Structures are given as structure tokens and as C-alpha cells.
N, C-alpha and C. Protein backbone atom coordinates (compact mmCIF):
# COMPACT_ATOMS: atom_id res chain seq x y z
N UNK A 1 -15.42 89.83 -51.47
CA UNK A 1 -14.57 88.68 -51.62
C UNK A 1 -15.16 87.53 -50.79
N UNK A 2 -15.02 86.33 -51.30
CA UNK A 2 -15.57 85.14 -50.64
C UNK A 2 -14.46 84.23 -50.13
N UNK A 3 -14.79 83.45 -49.11
CA UNK A 3 -13.80 82.57 -48.48
C UNK A 3 -14.52 81.34 -47.94
N UNK A 4 -13.85 80.20 -48.01
CA UNK A 4 -14.33 79.00 -47.34
C UNK A 4 -13.61 78.90 -46.01
N UNK A 5 -14.37 78.64 -44.96
CA UNK A 5 -13.77 78.48 -43.63
C UNK A 5 -14.18 77.14 -43.04
N UNK A 6 -13.35 76.64 -42.14
CA UNK A 6 -13.62 75.39 -41.41
C UNK A 6 -14.18 75.80 -40.05
N UNK A 7 -15.46 75.49 -39.82
CA UNK A 7 -16.12 75.85 -38.57
C UNK A 7 -15.87 74.80 -37.50
N UNK A 8 -15.88 73.53 -37.89
CA UNK A 8 -15.56 72.43 -36.99
C UNK A 8 -14.88 71.34 -37.83
N UNK A 9 -14.61 70.21 -37.21
CA UNK A 9 -13.87 69.17 -37.94
C UNK A 9 -14.62 68.63 -39.15
N UNK A 10 -15.95 68.77 -39.18
CA UNK A 10 -16.74 68.22 -40.29
C UNK A 10 -17.64 69.24 -40.97
N UNK A 11 -17.51 70.51 -40.60
CA UNK A 11 -18.39 71.53 -41.16
C UNK A 11 -17.55 72.68 -41.73
N UNK A 12 -17.77 72.98 -43.01
CA UNK A 12 -17.15 74.14 -43.62
C UNK A 12 -18.24 75.02 -44.20
N UNK A 13 -17.94 76.32 -44.32
CA UNK A 13 -18.91 77.30 -44.79
C UNK A 13 -18.24 78.18 -45.83
N UNK A 14 -18.97 78.49 -46.91
CA UNK A 14 -18.50 79.39 -47.95
C UNK A 14 -19.37 80.63 -47.91
N UNK A 15 -18.75 81.79 -47.78
CA UNK A 15 -19.54 83.01 -47.72
C UNK A 15 -18.70 84.24 -47.93
N UNK A 16 -19.37 85.38 -47.90
CA UNK A 16 -18.72 86.68 -48.08
C UNK A 16 -17.94 87.05 -46.82
N UNK A 17 -16.70 87.49 -47.00
CA UNK A 17 -15.86 87.87 -45.85
C UNK A 17 -16.42 89.12 -45.20
N UNK A 18 -16.59 89.04 -43.88
CA UNK A 18 -17.04 90.18 -43.09
C UNK A 18 -15.84 90.81 -42.39
N UNK A 19 -14.96 89.96 -41.84
CA UNK A 19 -13.84 90.46 -41.05
C UNK A 19 -12.74 89.39 -40.96
N UNK A 20 -11.50 89.84 -40.93
CA UNK A 20 -10.35 88.97 -40.64
C UNK A 20 -9.88 89.30 -39.24
N UNK A 21 -9.81 88.30 -38.38
CA UNK A 21 -9.48 88.51 -36.98
C UNK A 21 -7.98 88.38 -36.74
N UNK A 22 -7.45 89.04 -35.70
CA UNK A 22 -6.01 89.00 -35.40
C UNK A 22 -5.47 87.59 -35.15
N UNK A 23 -6.31 86.66 -34.68
CA UNK A 23 -5.86 85.30 -34.39
C UNK A 23 -5.82 84.41 -35.64
N UNK A 24 -6.08 85.00 -36.83
CA UNK A 24 -6.03 84.25 -38.08
C UNK A 24 -7.37 83.71 -38.55
N UNK A 25 -8.37 83.78 -37.70
CA UNK A 25 -9.70 83.31 -38.09
C UNK A 25 -10.37 84.35 -38.99
N UNK A 26 -11.43 83.90 -39.69
CA UNK A 26 -12.17 84.76 -40.61
C UNK A 26 -13.64 84.67 -40.26
N UNK A 27 -14.33 85.80 -40.36
CA UNK A 27 -15.78 85.85 -40.16
C UNK A 27 -16.41 85.99 -41.54
N UNK A 28 -17.36 85.10 -41.87
CA UNK A 28 -18.05 85.16 -43.16
C UNK A 28 -19.56 85.20 -42.93
N UNK A 29 -20.25 85.75 -43.93
CA UNK A 29 -21.71 85.82 -43.90
C UNK A 29 -22.25 84.95 -45.02
N UNK A 30 -23.18 84.08 -44.67
CA UNK A 30 -23.86 83.21 -45.63
C UNK A 30 -25.35 83.55 -45.56
N UNK A 31 -25.76 84.53 -46.35
CA UNK A 31 -27.14 84.99 -46.24
C UNK A 31 -27.32 85.77 -44.96
N UNK A 32 -28.19 85.30 -44.07
CA UNK A 32 -28.43 85.98 -42.80
C UNK A 32 -27.55 85.47 -41.67
N UNK A 33 -26.88 84.35 -41.87
CA UNK A 33 -26.05 83.73 -40.82
C UNK A 33 -24.61 84.22 -40.91
N UNK A 34 -23.97 84.34 -39.74
CA UNK A 34 -22.57 84.75 -39.66
C UNK A 34 -21.80 83.63 -38.95
N UNK A 35 -20.63 83.26 -39.52
CA UNK A 35 -19.82 82.17 -38.98
C UNK A 35 -18.39 82.64 -38.80
N UNK A 36 -17.69 82.04 -37.81
CA UNK A 36 -16.28 82.33 -37.57
C UNK A 36 -15.52 81.02 -37.60
N UNK A 37 -14.36 81.00 -38.30
CA UNK A 37 -13.57 79.78 -38.36
C UNK A 37 -12.24 79.99 -39.05
N UNK A 38 -11.49 78.91 -39.17
CA UNK A 38 -10.18 78.93 -39.82
C UNK A 38 -10.35 78.94 -41.34
N UNK A 39 -9.61 79.79 -42.05
CA UNK A 39 -9.69 79.78 -43.51
C UNK A 39 -9.13 78.48 -44.08
N UNK A 40 -9.73 78.01 -45.17
CA UNK A 40 -9.28 76.80 -45.84
C UNK A 40 -8.34 77.21 -46.96
N UNK A 41 -7.14 76.61 -46.99
CA UNK A 41 -6.15 76.93 -48.02
C UNK A 41 -6.61 76.38 -49.37
N UNK A 42 -6.30 77.07 -50.46
CA UNK A 42 -6.64 76.54 -51.79
C UNK A 42 -5.96 75.20 -52.03
N UNK A 43 -6.64 74.29 -52.70
CA UNK A 43 -6.10 72.96 -52.99
C UNK A 43 -5.16 73.02 -54.18
N UNK A 44 -3.98 72.45 -54.04
CA UNK A 44 -3.03 72.31 -55.15
C UNK A 44 -2.61 70.85 -55.17
N UNK A 45 -2.89 70.17 -56.29
CA UNK A 45 -2.55 68.75 -56.41
C UNK A 45 -1.03 68.59 -56.40
N UNK A 46 -0.55 67.51 -55.82
CA UNK A 46 0.88 67.24 -55.73
C UNK A 46 1.50 67.17 -57.12
N UNK A 47 2.58 67.89 -57.30
CA UNK A 47 3.30 67.85 -58.57
C UNK A 47 2.75 68.79 -59.63
N UNK A 48 1.69 69.50 -59.32
CA UNK A 48 1.10 70.44 -60.29
C UNK A 48 1.27 71.86 -59.79
N UNK A 49 1.53 72.77 -60.73
CA UNK A 49 1.66 74.18 -60.39
C UNK A 49 0.26 74.78 -60.21
N UNK A 50 0.12 75.80 -59.36
CA UNK A 50 -1.16 76.48 -59.24
C UNK A 50 -1.58 77.06 -60.59
N UNK A 51 -2.87 77.18 -60.83
CA UNK A 51 -3.40 77.65 -62.10
C UNK A 51 -2.83 79.01 -62.49
N UNK A 52 -2.64 79.93 -61.55
CA UNK A 52 -2.13 81.25 -61.87
C UNK A 52 -0.72 81.18 -62.46
N UNK A 53 0.10 80.25 -62.00
CA UNK A 53 1.46 80.09 -62.53
C UNK A 53 1.39 79.52 -63.95
N UNK A 54 0.52 78.55 -64.17
CA UNK A 54 0.37 77.94 -65.49
C UNK A 54 -0.13 78.98 -66.49
N UNK A 55 -1.11 79.78 -66.11
CA UNK A 55 -1.67 80.79 -67.00
C UNK A 55 -0.62 81.84 -67.35
N UNK A 56 0.18 82.25 -66.39
CA UNK A 56 1.20 83.28 -66.63
C UNK A 56 2.30 82.76 -67.55
N UNK A 57 2.66 81.49 -67.43
CA UNK A 57 3.75 80.94 -68.23
C UNK A 57 3.33 80.63 -69.67
N UNK A 58 2.02 80.56 -69.92
CA UNK A 58 1.57 80.24 -71.27
C UNK A 58 1.39 81.46 -72.14
N UNK A 59 1.66 82.63 -71.61
CA UNK A 59 1.50 83.88 -72.39
C UNK A 59 2.70 84.14 -73.26
């Protein structure tokens, strides 16, 4: 599973999840490098339902 994390105020990293830490941070691997940071929440535009809700309601 992959996750985008915020490493600093201007740097984010997308990589394979290595570990979820008790403090809420996530460790990801991007090739040979390993990073730790806060997970980035999925973007949902104001007034729009998440894609999973739209897909489920159209069945």
C-alpha cells in the first residue's frame, strides 16, 4: 500500500508504507530512501462527495 506523507512544510513524499507509528506518523520507502512524516488526507472538493460514494450510488 502507498501513502503520501508531509515531511516538512514544503516537502511531501509518496512511497510504499513501511510502518505506522503510535504517534500517527507514517514511515514510507521511496526506492532506497526511507522517510517519516504526517500522512496527507485525501483531497475532497467542497460540495462534492468522495468518488467511492458516487460510484456506490450509481449502481
